Amino acid sequence: MSQAEKKNSQLSEKGEDRRLSEKTLLRWRKRNSYYYKWLDGIYKFVVRPGSRVLHVGCDCGDLLAAVEPSYGVGIDADAGAIELARKRFAHLNFHVMDPHELQLDEKFDYVLICNSLGQWCDIQEVLDRVVPLTNPSTRIIITYYNHLWEGVLGIGSLLRIRKPNTYQNWLPAEDISNLLELSGFDVIRSSSFLMMPKRLPPLTAFCNYVLSLLPGFRYFNLVNLVIARPKPTPQRDEDLSVSVVVPCRNERGNIQDAITRIPKMGRETEIIFVDGNSTDGTVEEIERCIAEYPDRSISLIHQGAGVGKGDAVRKGFAAAKGNVLVVQDADLTAPPEDLPKFYRALRDGKGEYINGSRLVYPMEKQAMRSLNLLGNKFFSALFTWLLGQRFRDTLCGTKMISKKDYELIATNRSYFGEFDPFGDFDLIFGAVKQNLKVVEVPVAYRARTYGSTNISRFTHGWLLLKMSWIAFKKIKWLGRKR
């Protein structure tokens, strides 16, 4: 008998055993419904509905169905589980296939690996086989058990509280990241969830919505999450055009400096001023500069009835012709001369959302009031915790993103809603939700030379607290009823 025939025979025998226990397979999921609900919530947060999704090690197909793909493929070596998946989810595609022999002639937006990674004897071989199934925007979503839970879950299997596993390699996060790197993937971010996988009210809510989020305690969470992408290749300057959006209100004295100091980047650089109903002659100054600098591509948009910087940024981005979008504050406290650093980070594939940070280098005196500085540091720490990703400075006015990725954020904005008058958090929350690689570029923060700030410390501080609550509900409460 050939190796292929032996393999098929083994899979067939395995399938016969599992077909006898279809009810048992479903009973495990029902018995641990609270835990599986959390898993579904995690994946539904990171996977856009209507995407092309591959689930490697799909078991009975429940998770693949939960993320609502437009085209879903599940593979598993267990013939019995695949047969059950086909019966229950006829609109999806399932194949009996050993992950070590994964071979499909198609591309996917997401590749899901849920708790099966530790069951493979050669993880790198499986990840290597995933590579040809990806495109530059594909995301690899991995959840796996925290290795600190090995003893607890082993006891659970012995007591028949959870489905027994015949083999489980307990890997720390560092090993998972290293394997992804070896196979040509770039880790975007990691996080952890769920300290108590069984429902024991009110203890469960306290553990999963309070303790599991706190530094120190979260290292004991059961579920670890890693999101990765294929390592990008640098883009060429001739393929990139840049649109610099400058929201402004009463910034007449900064307009000409902005034009002369914004450097040319890529194949072409346009400057878009979005005026928020200025009363100091800002519009007239922009129109004068458009005539004075015919060699620069400069345009003016009137914000009209719109209110806030966020509305101005969205209008500027909508009018932009470039495939790279930049926000540059008109007060010039974050120097335009730093923009090439953002551009190089995006062009070279270091990140997909480039966020400025004013809190790295020493500031000029009077650049930021002490109370504002303390508030910025507080909210930076808060949003780093909320988003599961480091943000040294959430309110720096300089940000860069590709137009393609911004349109992805805009299309899926309804998840968080139209909540942000600043525009900063609309982009930050959207970048995290769409699993973009975020990198920070330090900028030198300078004092204003013209005009006064449009920020109200207490009014805007209250708005930031409200946005923090929105982020907490939408990002941290993944196991709640939907």
Protein backbone atom coordinates (compact mmCIF):
# COMPACT_ATOMS: atom_id res chain seq x y z
CA MET A 1 0.00 0.00 0.00
CA SER A 2 1.36 3.46 -0.96
CA GLN A 3 1.94 6.24 1.60
CA ALA A 4 -1.03 8.19 0.21
CA GLU A 5 -3.30 5.14 0.50
CA LYS A 6 -2.13 4.52 4.07
CA LYS A 7 -2.81 8.14 4.93
CA ASN A 8 -6.30 8.04 3.42
CA SER A 9 -6.99 4.79 5.25
CA GLN A 10 -5.93 6.32 8.56
CA LEU A 11 -8.09 9.38 7.96
CA SER A 12 -11.03 7.15 7.05
CA GLU A 13 -10.65 5.08 10.22
CA LYS A 14 -10.35 8.25 12.27
CA GLY A 15 -13.48 9.61 10.61
CA GLU A 16 -15.41 6.41 11.42
CA ASP A 17 -14.52 6.85 15.08
CA ARG A 18 -15.62 10.48 15.11
CA ARG A 19 -18.87 9.82 13.23
CA LEU A 20 -19.93 7.71 16.16
CA SER A 21 -19.53 10.74 18.42
CA GLU A 22 -21.09 13.65 16.50
CA LYS A 23 -23.42 14.30 19.41
CA THR A 24 -20.45 14.23 21.74
CA LEU A 25 -18.60 16.81 19.63
CA LEU A 26 -21.53 19.21 19.79
CA ARG A 27 -22.04 18.51 23.47
CA TRP A 28 -18.49 19.70 24.25
CA ARG A 29 -19.23 23.04 22.64
CA LYS A 30 -22.58 23.37 24.39
CA ARG A 31 -21.09 22.42 27.75
CA ASN A 32 -18.43 25.14 27.37
CA SER A 33 -20.63 27.67 25.59
CA TYR A 34 -19.37 30.61 27.66
CA TYR A 35 -15.77 29.95 26.57
CA TYR A 36 -16.69 29.45 22.90
CA LYS A 37 -18.78 32.61 22.95
CA TRP A 38 -15.68 34.52 24.03
CA LEU A 39 -13.64 32.94 21.21
CA ASP A 40 -16.32 33.88 18.69
CA GLY A 41 -16.33 37.46 20.04
CA ILE A 42 -12.55 37.79 19.70
CA TYR A 43 -12.57 36.59 16.09
CA LYS A 44 -15.64 38.61 15.13
CA PHE A 45 -13.85 41.73 16.36
CA VAL A 46 -10.73 41.18 14.26
CA VAL A 47 -12.31 39.66 11.12
CA ARG A 48 -14.41 41.82 8.81
CA PRO A 49 -17.69 40.16 7.79
CA GLY A 50 -17.86 39.37 4.09
CA SER A 51 -14.17 38.47 3.78
CA ARG A 52 -12.42 35.47 2.25
CA VAL A 53 -11.44 33.32 5.24
CA LEU A 54 -9.40 30.14 5.67
CA HIS A 55 -9.60 28.27 8.97
CA VAL A 56 -6.71 25.83 9.48
CA GLY A 57 -7.77 23.18 11.98
CA CYS A 58 -11.44 24.10 11.71
CA ASP A 59 -12.87 21.24 13.80
CA CYS A 60 -16.67 21.31 13.33
CA GLY A 61 -16.80 24.67 11.52
CA ASP A 62 -18.51 26.79 14.19
CA LEU A 63 -15.87 29.52 14.35
CA LEU A 64 -15.62 29.83 10.57
CA ALA A 65 -19.39 30.29 10.37
CA ALA A 66 -19.35 32.80 13.25
CA VAL A 67 -17.11 35.30 11.38
CA GLU A 68 -19.61 35.40 8.48
CA PRO A 69 -17.24 35.10 5.49
CA SER A 70 -18.33 35.74 1.93
CA TYR A 71 -16.20 32.73 1.04
CA GLY A 72 -15.04 30.38 3.78
CA VAL A 73 -12.78 27.34 3.63
CA GLY A 74 -12.04 25.05 6.56
CA ILE A 75 -9.49 22.25 6.63
CA ASP A 76 -8.93 19.61 9.28
CA ALA A 77 -7.30 16.18 9.40
CA ASP A 78 -10.32 14.78 11.23
CA ALA A 79 -12.72 13.36 8.63
CA GLY A 80 -15.53 13.01 11.17
CA ALA A 81 -15.35 16.66 12.18
CA ILE A 82 -15.30 17.75 8.54
CA GLU A 83 -18.34 15.62 7.74
CA LEU A 84 -20.20 17.23 10.63
CA ALA A 85 -19.13 20.71 9.49
CA ARG A 86 -20.41 20.03 5.96
CA LYS A 87 -23.78 18.96 7.32
CA ARG A 88 -24.19 21.99 9.54
CA PHE A 89 -22.73 24.72 7.32
CA ALA A 90 -23.50 23.79 3.73
CA HIS A 91 -22.70 27.34 2.50
CA LEU A 92 -19.04 26.91 3.50
CA ASN A 93 -16.33 24.71 2.03
CA PHE A 94 -14.62 22.03 4.09
CA HIS A 95 -11.77 19.66 3.19
CA VAL A 96 -10.20 16.71 4.95
CA MET A 97 -6.57 17.75 4.91
CA ASP A 98 -3.59 17.43 7.23
CA PRO A 99 -2.38 21.00 7.95
CA HIS A 100 1.19 19.77 7.33
CA GLU A 101 0.10 19.04 3.75
CA LEU A 102 -1.97 22.18 3.25
CA GLN A 103 -2.22 23.03 -0.43
CA LEU A 104 -4.87 25.28 -1.99
CA ASP A 105 -4.74 27.36 -5.14
CA GLU A 106 -6.38 30.54 -3.84
CA LYS A 107 -5.79 33.63 -1.70
CA PHE A 108 -7.51 34.67 1.53
CA ASP A 109 -8.06 37.90 3.49
CA TYR A 110 -7.74 36.09 6.82
CA VAL A 111 -6.18 32.83 7.97
CA LEU A 112 -7.54 31.62 11.32
CA ILE A 113 -5.65 29.26 13.63
CA CYS A 114 -7.69 28.68 16.77
CA ASN A 115 -6.17 26.54 19.55
CA SER A 116 -4.84 24.00 17.05
CA LEU A 117 -1.33 25.36 16.62
CA GLY A 118 0.02 23.44 19.62
CA GLN A 119 -1.32 20.16 18.21
CA TRP A 120 0.98 20.23 15.17
CA CYS A 121 4.31 18.44 15.28
CA ASP A 122 5.89 20.94 12.83
CA ILE A 123 4.32 24.37 13.24
CA GLN A 124 6.79 26.08 10.93
CA GLU A 125 5.91 23.65 8.12
CA VAL A 126 2.24 24.60 8.41
CA LEU A 127 3.00 28.33 8.51
CA ASP A 128 5.26 27.97 5.47
CA ARG A 129 2.35 26.38 3.61
CA VAL A 130 0.09 29.28 4.60
CA VAL A 131 2.40 31.84 2.93
CA PRO A 132 1.32 31.15 -0.71
CA LEU A 133 -2.33 31.58 0.33
CA THR A 134 -1.84 35.19 1.42
CA ASN A 135 -1.74 38.59 -0.25
CA PRO A 136 -0.08 41.73 1.17
CA SER A 137 -3.17 42.68 3.18
CA THR A 138 -3.88 39.20 4.59
CA ARG A 139 -4.00 38.87 8.37
CA ILE A 140 -3.03 35.72 10.29
CA ILE A 141 -5.16 35.45 13.45
CA ILE A 142 -3.89 33.01 16.06
CA THR A 143 -5.39 32.15 19.44
CA TYR A 144 -3.74 29.60 21.67
CA TYR A 145 -3.76 28.49 25.28
CA ASN A 146 -1.58 30.25 27.82
CA HIS A 147 1.13 27.72 28.78
CA LEU A 148 0.55 28.59 32.46
CA TRP A 149 -2.81 26.82 32.16
CA GLU A 150 -1.34 23.45 31.19
CA GLY A 151 -2.01 21.79 34.55
CA VAL A 152 -5.51 23.22 34.97
CA LEU A 153 -6.64 22.19 31.49
CA GLY A 154 -5.05 18.77 31.92
CA ILE A 155 -7.14 18.21 35.04
CA GLY A 156 -10.20 19.48 33.15
CA SER A 157 -9.64 16.85 30.46
CA LEU A 158 -9.24 14.08 33.04
CA LEU A 159 -12.49 15.14 34.70
CA ARG A 160 -14.23 15.27 31.29
CA ILE A 161 -15.08 18.95 31.83
CA ARG A 162 -13.44 19.82 28.49
CA LYS A 163 -12.65 17.97 25.29
CA PRO A 164 -9.49 15.91 25.79
CA ASN A 165 -6.48 16.54 23.54
CA THR A 166 -4.19 13.65 22.70
CA TYR A 167 -1.24 16.02 22.11
CA GLN A 168 -0.62 19.62 23.04
CA ASN A 169 2.64 21.56 22.74
CA TRP A 170 2.47 24.40 25.26
CA LEU A 171 4.27 27.34 23.69
CA PRO A 172 4.96 30.77 25.20
CA ALA A 173 4.20 33.88 23.15
CA GLU A 174 7.85 34.44 22.27
CA ASP A 175 8.06 31.07 20.49
CA ILE A 176 4.91 31.79 18.48
CA SER A 177 6.28 35.16 17.36
CA ASN A 178 9.62 33.57 16.43
CA LEU A 179 7.92 30.89 14.31
CA LEU A 180 5.90 33.54 12.51
CA GLU A 181 9.07 35.55 11.82
CA LEU A 182 10.83 32.46 10.46
CA SER A 183 7.97 31.87 8.02
CA GLY A 184 8.01 35.43 6.72
CA PHE A 185 5.29 37.03 8.86
CA ASP A 186 5.44 40.27 10.81
CA VAL A 187 3.66 40.36 14.19
CA ILE A 188 1.28 43.32 14.40
CA ARG A 189 0.10 42.99 17.98
CA SER A 190 -0.72 40.51 20.71
CA SER A 191 -3.19 40.46 23.56
CA SER A 192 -4.84 38.14 26.07
CA PHE A 193 -8.37 37.48 27.29
CA LEU A 194 -10.50 35.42 29.64
CA MET A 195 -9.27 34.62 33.13
CA MET A 196 -12.24 32.39 33.97
CA PRO A 197 -13.63 30.23 31.11
CA LYS A 198 -16.62 28.94 33.10
CA ARG A 199 -19.63 31.02 34.11
CA LEU A 200 -19.75 31.42 37.89
CA PRO A 201 -21.56 34.74 38.48
CA PRO A 202 -20.63 37.22 39.81
CA LEU A 203 -17.04 35.96 40.06
CA THR A 204 -16.80 35.40 36.30
CA ALA A 205 -17.65 38.98 35.40
CA PHE A 206 -15.17 40.36 37.95
CA CYS A 207 -12.35 38.12 36.70
CA ASN A 208 -12.97 38.61 32.98
CA TYR A 209 -13.91 42.29 32.89
CA VAL A 210 -11.71 43.63 35.69
CA LEU A 211 -8.84 41.40 36.83
CA SER A 212 -7.99 40.09 33.36
CA LEU A 213 -7.41 43.65 32.15
CA LEU A 214 -5.02 44.69 34.91
CA PRO A 215 -1.22 44.64 34.61
CA GLY A 216 0.18 41.53 36.26
CA PHE A 217 -3.14 39.67 36.37
CA ARG A 218 -3.53 39.54 32.58
CA TYR A 219 -0.50 37.24 32.32
CA PHE A 220 -2.75 34.54 33.78
CA ASN A 221 -5.46 34.85 31.11
CA LEU A 222 -6.33 31.64 29.31
CA VAL A 223 -6.52 32.89 25.73
CA ASN A 224 -3.57 34.56 24.01
CA LEU A 225 -4.09 36.35 20.70
CA VAL A 226 -1.48 37.12 18.04
CA ILE A 227 -2.19 38.99 14.81
CA ALA A 228 0.41 38.94 12.03
CA ARG A 229 0.78 39.98 8.39
CA PRO A 230 3.07 38.93 5.52
CA LYS A 231 6.29 40.92 5.67
CA PRO A 232 5.85 43.82 3.22
CA THR A 233 8.16 44.82 0.42
CA PRO A 234 9.18 48.50 0.17
CA GLN A 235 7.27 50.63 -2.34
CA ARG A 236 8.82 52.88 -4.95
CA ASP A 237 8.66 56.67 -4.70
CA GLU A 238 7.34 56.90 -8.25
CA ASP A 239 4.32 54.80 -7.24
CA LEU A 240 3.33 57.06 -4.35
CA SER A 241 1.63 60.45 -4.33
CA VAL A 242 1.06 62.32 -1.08
CA SER A 243 -1.87 64.48 0.06
CA VAL A 244 -1.13 66.68 3.09
CA VAL A 245 -4.38 67.78 4.75
CA VAL A 246 -4.05 70.91 6.90
CA PRO A 247 -7.16 71.66 9.05
CA CYS A 248 -7.09 75.32 10.04
CA ARG A 249 -9.13 77.90 11.92
CA ASN A 250 -7.74 81.38 12.51
CA GLU A 251 -4.20 80.43 11.44
CA ARG A 252 -3.49 83.25 8.96
CA GLY A 253 0.07 83.80 10.22
CA ASN A 254 1.02 80.12 9.69
CA ILE A 255 -0.29 79.52 6.16
CA GLN A 256 2.73 80.65 4.13
CA ASP A 257 5.15 78.90 6.48
CA ALA A 258 3.16 75.68 6.11
CA ILE A 259 3.43 75.85 2.31
CA THR A 260 7.16 76.62 2.26
CA ARG A 261 8.02 74.09 4.97
CA ILE A 262 5.97 71.08 3.83
CA PRO A 263 8.49 69.04 1.82
CA LYS A 264 7.81 67.28 -1.45
CA MET A 265 7.40 63.53 -1.05
CA GLY A 266 6.88 60.72 -3.51
CA ARG A 267 5.94 61.35 -7.12
CA GLU A 268 3.75 64.33 -6.25
CA THR A 269 2.71 66.20 -3.12
CA GLU A 270 -0.51 68.21 -2.79
CA ILE A 271 -1.49 70.46 0.10
CA ILE A 272 -5.17 70.70 1.06
CA PHE A 273 -6.24 73.42 3.48
CA VAL A 274 -9.61 72.81 5.15
CA ASP A 275 -10.80 76.06 6.70
CA GLY A 276 -13.14 75.90 9.69
CA ASN A 277 -14.87 79.27 9.20
CA SER A 278 -11.90 81.46 10.17
CA THR A 279 -12.45 85.11 11.05
CA ASP A 280 -8.87 86.41 10.90
CA GLY A 281 -8.30 86.38 7.13
CA THR A 282 -7.03 82.79 6.89
CA VAL A 283 -9.06 82.10 3.73
CA GLU A 284 -7.75 85.21 1.98
CA GLU A 285 -4.17 84.24 2.93
CA ILE A 286 -4.63 80.74 1.50
CA GLU A 287 -6.02 82.18 -1.75
CA ARG A 288 -3.07 84.61 -1.94
CA CYS A 289 -0.57 81.78 -1.46
CA ILE A 290 -2.27 79.61 -4.10
CA ALA A 291 -1.59 82.42 -6.59
CA GLU A 292 1.95 83.06 -5.28
CA TYR A 293 3.08 79.42 -5.42
CA PRO A 294 1.82 78.04 -8.75
CA ASP A 295 4.52 75.35 -8.68
CA ARG A 296 2.88 73.75 -5.60
CA SER A 297 -0.39 71.84 -5.82
CA ILE A 298 -2.51 73.74 -3.26
CA SER A 299 -6.27 73.68 -2.77
CA LEU A 300 -8.79 75.14 -0.34
CA ILE A 301 -11.88 73.45 1.09
CA HIS A 302 -14.47 75.31 3.16
CA GLN A 303 -15.65 73.21 6.10
CA GLY A 304 -19.03 74.95 6.05
CA ALA A 305 -21.53 73.68 8.60
CA GLY A 306 -19.16 70.94 9.76
CA VAL A 307 -17.73 71.21 13.27
CA GLY A 308 -14.41 70.04 14.69
CA LYS A 309 -11.05 68.92 13.40
CA GLY A 310 -12.35 65.39 12.79
CA ASP A 311 -14.91 66.65 10.28
CA ALA A 312 -12.23 68.78 8.58
CA VAL A 313 -9.87 65.81 8.27
CA ARG A 314 -12.57 63.59 6.79
CA LYS A 315 -13.48 66.26 4.22
CA GLY A 316 -9.84 66.74 3.33
CA PHE A 317 -9.25 63.01 2.94
CA ALA A 318 -12.36 62.69 0.76
CA ALA A 319 -10.98 65.34 -1.61
CA ALA A 320 -7.41 63.99 -1.63
CA LYS A 321 -5.95 62.73 -4.91
CA GLY A 322 -2.87 61.09 -3.43
CA ASN A 323 -2.60 57.46 -2.39
CA VAL A 324 -0.87 58.49 0.87
CA LEU A 325 -2.80 60.70 3.30
CA VAL A 326 -1.21 62.95 5.93
CA VAL A 327 -2.60 65.21 8.65
CA GLN A 328 -0.46 68.26 9.46
CA ASP A 329 -1.70 70.72 12.09
CA ALA A 330 -1.73 74.31 10.88
CA ASP A 331 -0.18 75.60 14.11
CA LEU A 332 3.13 73.97 12.99
CA THR A 333 3.98 72.98 16.57
CA ALA A 334 4.85 69.57 15.11
CA PRO A 335 7.33 70.61 12.41
CA PRO A 336 6.44 69.77 8.77
CA GLU A 337 10.14 69.01 8.27
CA ASP A 338 9.49 65.71 10.13
CA LEU A 339 7.01 64.47 7.52
CA PRO A 340 9.64 62.59 5.44
CA LYS A 341 10.24 60.34 8.48
CA PHE A 342 6.57 59.35 8.40
CA TYR A 343 6.70 58.89 4.65
CA ARG A 344 9.75 56.60 4.78
CA ALA A 345 8.16 54.46 7.51
CA LEU A 346 5.08 53.94 5.35
CA ARG A 347 6.95 53.55 2.06
CA ASP A 348 9.39 51.00 3.47
CA GLY A 349 6.65 48.90 5.06
CA LYS A 350 7.63 49.61 8.67
CA GLY A 351 4.00 50.39 9.42
CA GLU A 352 0.59 51.00 7.88
CA TYR A 353 -0.60 53.67 10.31
CA ILE A 354 2.15 56.09 11.28
CA ASN A 355 1.38 58.02 14.48
CA GLY A 356 3.40 60.99 15.68
CA SER A 357 4.64 61.19 19.27
CA ARG A 358 5.45 64.51 20.96
CA LEU A 359 6.41 62.87 24.26
CA VAL A 360 9.81 61.44 23.34
CA TYR A 361 12.03 64.48 22.74
CA PRO A 362 12.23 67.47 25.13
CA MET A 363 9.66 70.15 24.28
CA GLU A 364 10.23 73.85 23.87
CA LYS A 365 9.11 75.90 26.83
CA GLN A 366 5.46 76.92 26.58
CA ALA A 367 4.86 74.29 23.87
CA MET A 368 2.41 72.42 26.11
CA ARG A 369 0.85 73.50 29.39
CA SER A 370 1.65 71.29 32.39
CA LEU A 371 -1.94 70.16 32.85
CA ASN A 372 -2.19 69.28 29.15
CA LEU A 373 1.05 67.31 29.38
CA LEU A 374 -0.21 65.31 32.36
CA GLY A 375 -3.52 64.71 30.55
CA ASN A 376 -1.74 63.51 27.42
CA LYS A 377 0.39 61.07 29.42
CA PHE A 378 -2.66 59.78 31.29
CA PHE A 379 -4.71 59.20 28.13
CA SER A 380 -1.74 57.66 26.34
CA ALA A 381 -1.40 55.08 29.11
CA LEU A 382 -5.17 54.55 29.19
CA PHE A 383 -5.50 53.97 25.46
CA THR A 384 -2.43 51.75 25.37
CA TRP A 385 -4.23 49.56 27.91
CA LEU A 386 -7.59 49.77 26.14
CA LEU A 387 -6.25 49.05 22.66
CA GLY A 388 -3.70 46.42 23.62
CA GLN A 389 -1.06 48.33 21.68
CA ARG A 390 1.47 50.97 22.69
CA PHE A 391 0.46 54.58 22.02
CA ARG A 392 2.94 57.03 23.54
CA ASP A 393 0.92 60.01 22.28
CA THR A 394 -2.70 59.76 21.12
CA LEU A 395 -3.26 63.45 20.32
CA CYS A 396 -0.27 64.36 18.16
CA GLY A 397 -1.63 66.13 15.08
CA THR A 398 0.70 64.42 12.60
CA LYS A 399 -0.53 61.09 11.23
CA MET A 400 -0.04 59.19 7.97
CA ILE A 401 -1.95 56.33 6.34
CA SER A 402 -2.46 54.98 2.84
CA LYS A 403 -5.68 56.01 1.14
CA LYS A 404 -6.58 52.34 0.67
CA ASP A 405 -6.33 51.64 4.41
CA TYR A 406 -8.17 54.85 5.30
CA GLU A 407 -11.06 53.86 3.04
CA LEU A 408 -11.15 50.53 4.88
CA ILE A 409 -11.47 52.39 8.19
CA ALA A 410 -14.13 54.73 6.78
CA THR A 411 -16.19 51.87 5.33
CA ASN A 412 -16.24 50.12 8.72
CA ARG A 413 -16.63 53.26 10.86
CA SER A 414 -20.08 52.19 12.06
CA TYR A 415 -18.54 49.77 14.59
CA PHE A 416 -17.46 52.69 16.80
CA GLY A 417 -19.79 55.32 15.33
CA GLU A 418 -19.37 59.04 14.59
CA PHE A 419 -18.05 59.82 18.03
CA ASP A 420 -14.80 61.72 17.57
CA PRO A 421 -14.65 65.52 17.12
CA PHE A 422 -10.83 65.43 17.07
CA GLY A 423 -10.29 62.91 14.26
CA ASP A 424 -7.37 61.29 16.09
CA PHE A 425 -9.34 58.48 17.68
CA ASP A 426 -11.41 57.76 14.61
CA LEU A 427 -8.11 56.84 12.94
CA ILE A 428 -6.50 55.15 15.94
CA PHE A 429 -9.52 52.98 16.81
CA GLY A 430 -10.05 52.19 13.13
CA ALA A 431 -6.40 51.20 12.65
CA VAL A 432 -6.58 48.80 15.60
CA LYS A 433 -9.95 47.37 14.49
CA GLN A 434 -8.62 46.75 10.96
CA ASN A 435 -5.40 45.20 12.31
CA LEU A 436 -3.09 47.75 10.73
CA LYS A 437 0.55 47.77 11.76
CA VAL A 438 0.97 50.86 13.95
CA VAL A 439 4.36 52.52 14.42
CA GLU A 440 5.18 55.78 16.16
CA VAL A 441 7.55 58.46 14.88
CA PRO A 442 8.90 60.91 17.49
CA VAL A 443 8.57 64.58 16.56
CA ALA A 444 10.09 67.70 18.09
CA TYR A 445 7.26 69.71 19.63
CA ARG A 446 7.56 73.48 19.39
CA ALA A 447 5.72 76.45 20.86
CA ARG A 448 3.19 78.35 18.75
CA THR A 449 4.43 81.44 16.95
CA TYR A 450 0.98 82.68 15.90
CA GLY A 451 -2.55 82.47 17.29
CA SER A 452 -3.86 80.51 20.26
CA THR A 453 -4.89 76.92 20.79
CA ASN A 454 -8.43 75.81 19.93
CA ILE A 455 -8.35 73.13 22.65
CA SER A 456 -10.47 73.48 25.78
CA ARG A 457 -8.73 71.40 28.44
CA PHE A 458 -11.77 70.46 30.52
CA THR A 459 -14.40 70.17 27.77
CA HIS A 460 -12.11 68.09 25.59
CA GLY A 461 -10.88 66.10 28.59
CA TRP A 462 -14.48 65.07 29.27
CA LEU A 463 -14.86 64.04 25.62
CA LEU A 464 -11.72 61.92 25.92
CA LEU A 465 -13.17 60.12 28.93
CA LYS A 466 -16.35 59.39 26.96
CA MET A 467 -14.26 58.02 24.09
CA SER A 468 -12.36 55.85 26.57
CA TRP A 469 -15.67 54.34 27.67
CA ILE A 470 -16.62 53.66 24.05
CA ALA A 471 -13.28 51.93 23.48
CA PHE A 472 -13.68 49.86 26.64
CA LYS A 473 -17.14 48.61 25.65
CA LYS A 474 -16.26 47.93 22.02
CA ILE A 475 -12.82 46.38 22.50
CA LYS A 476 -12.62 44.86 25.97
CA TRP A 477 -16.14 43.46 26.32
CA LEU A 478 -15.79 40.90 23.55
CA GLY A 479 -17.59 38.15 25.47
CA ARG A 480 -20.70 40.15 26.25
CA LYS A 481 -24.08 39.53 24.63
CA ARG A 482 -24.36 41.14 21.21
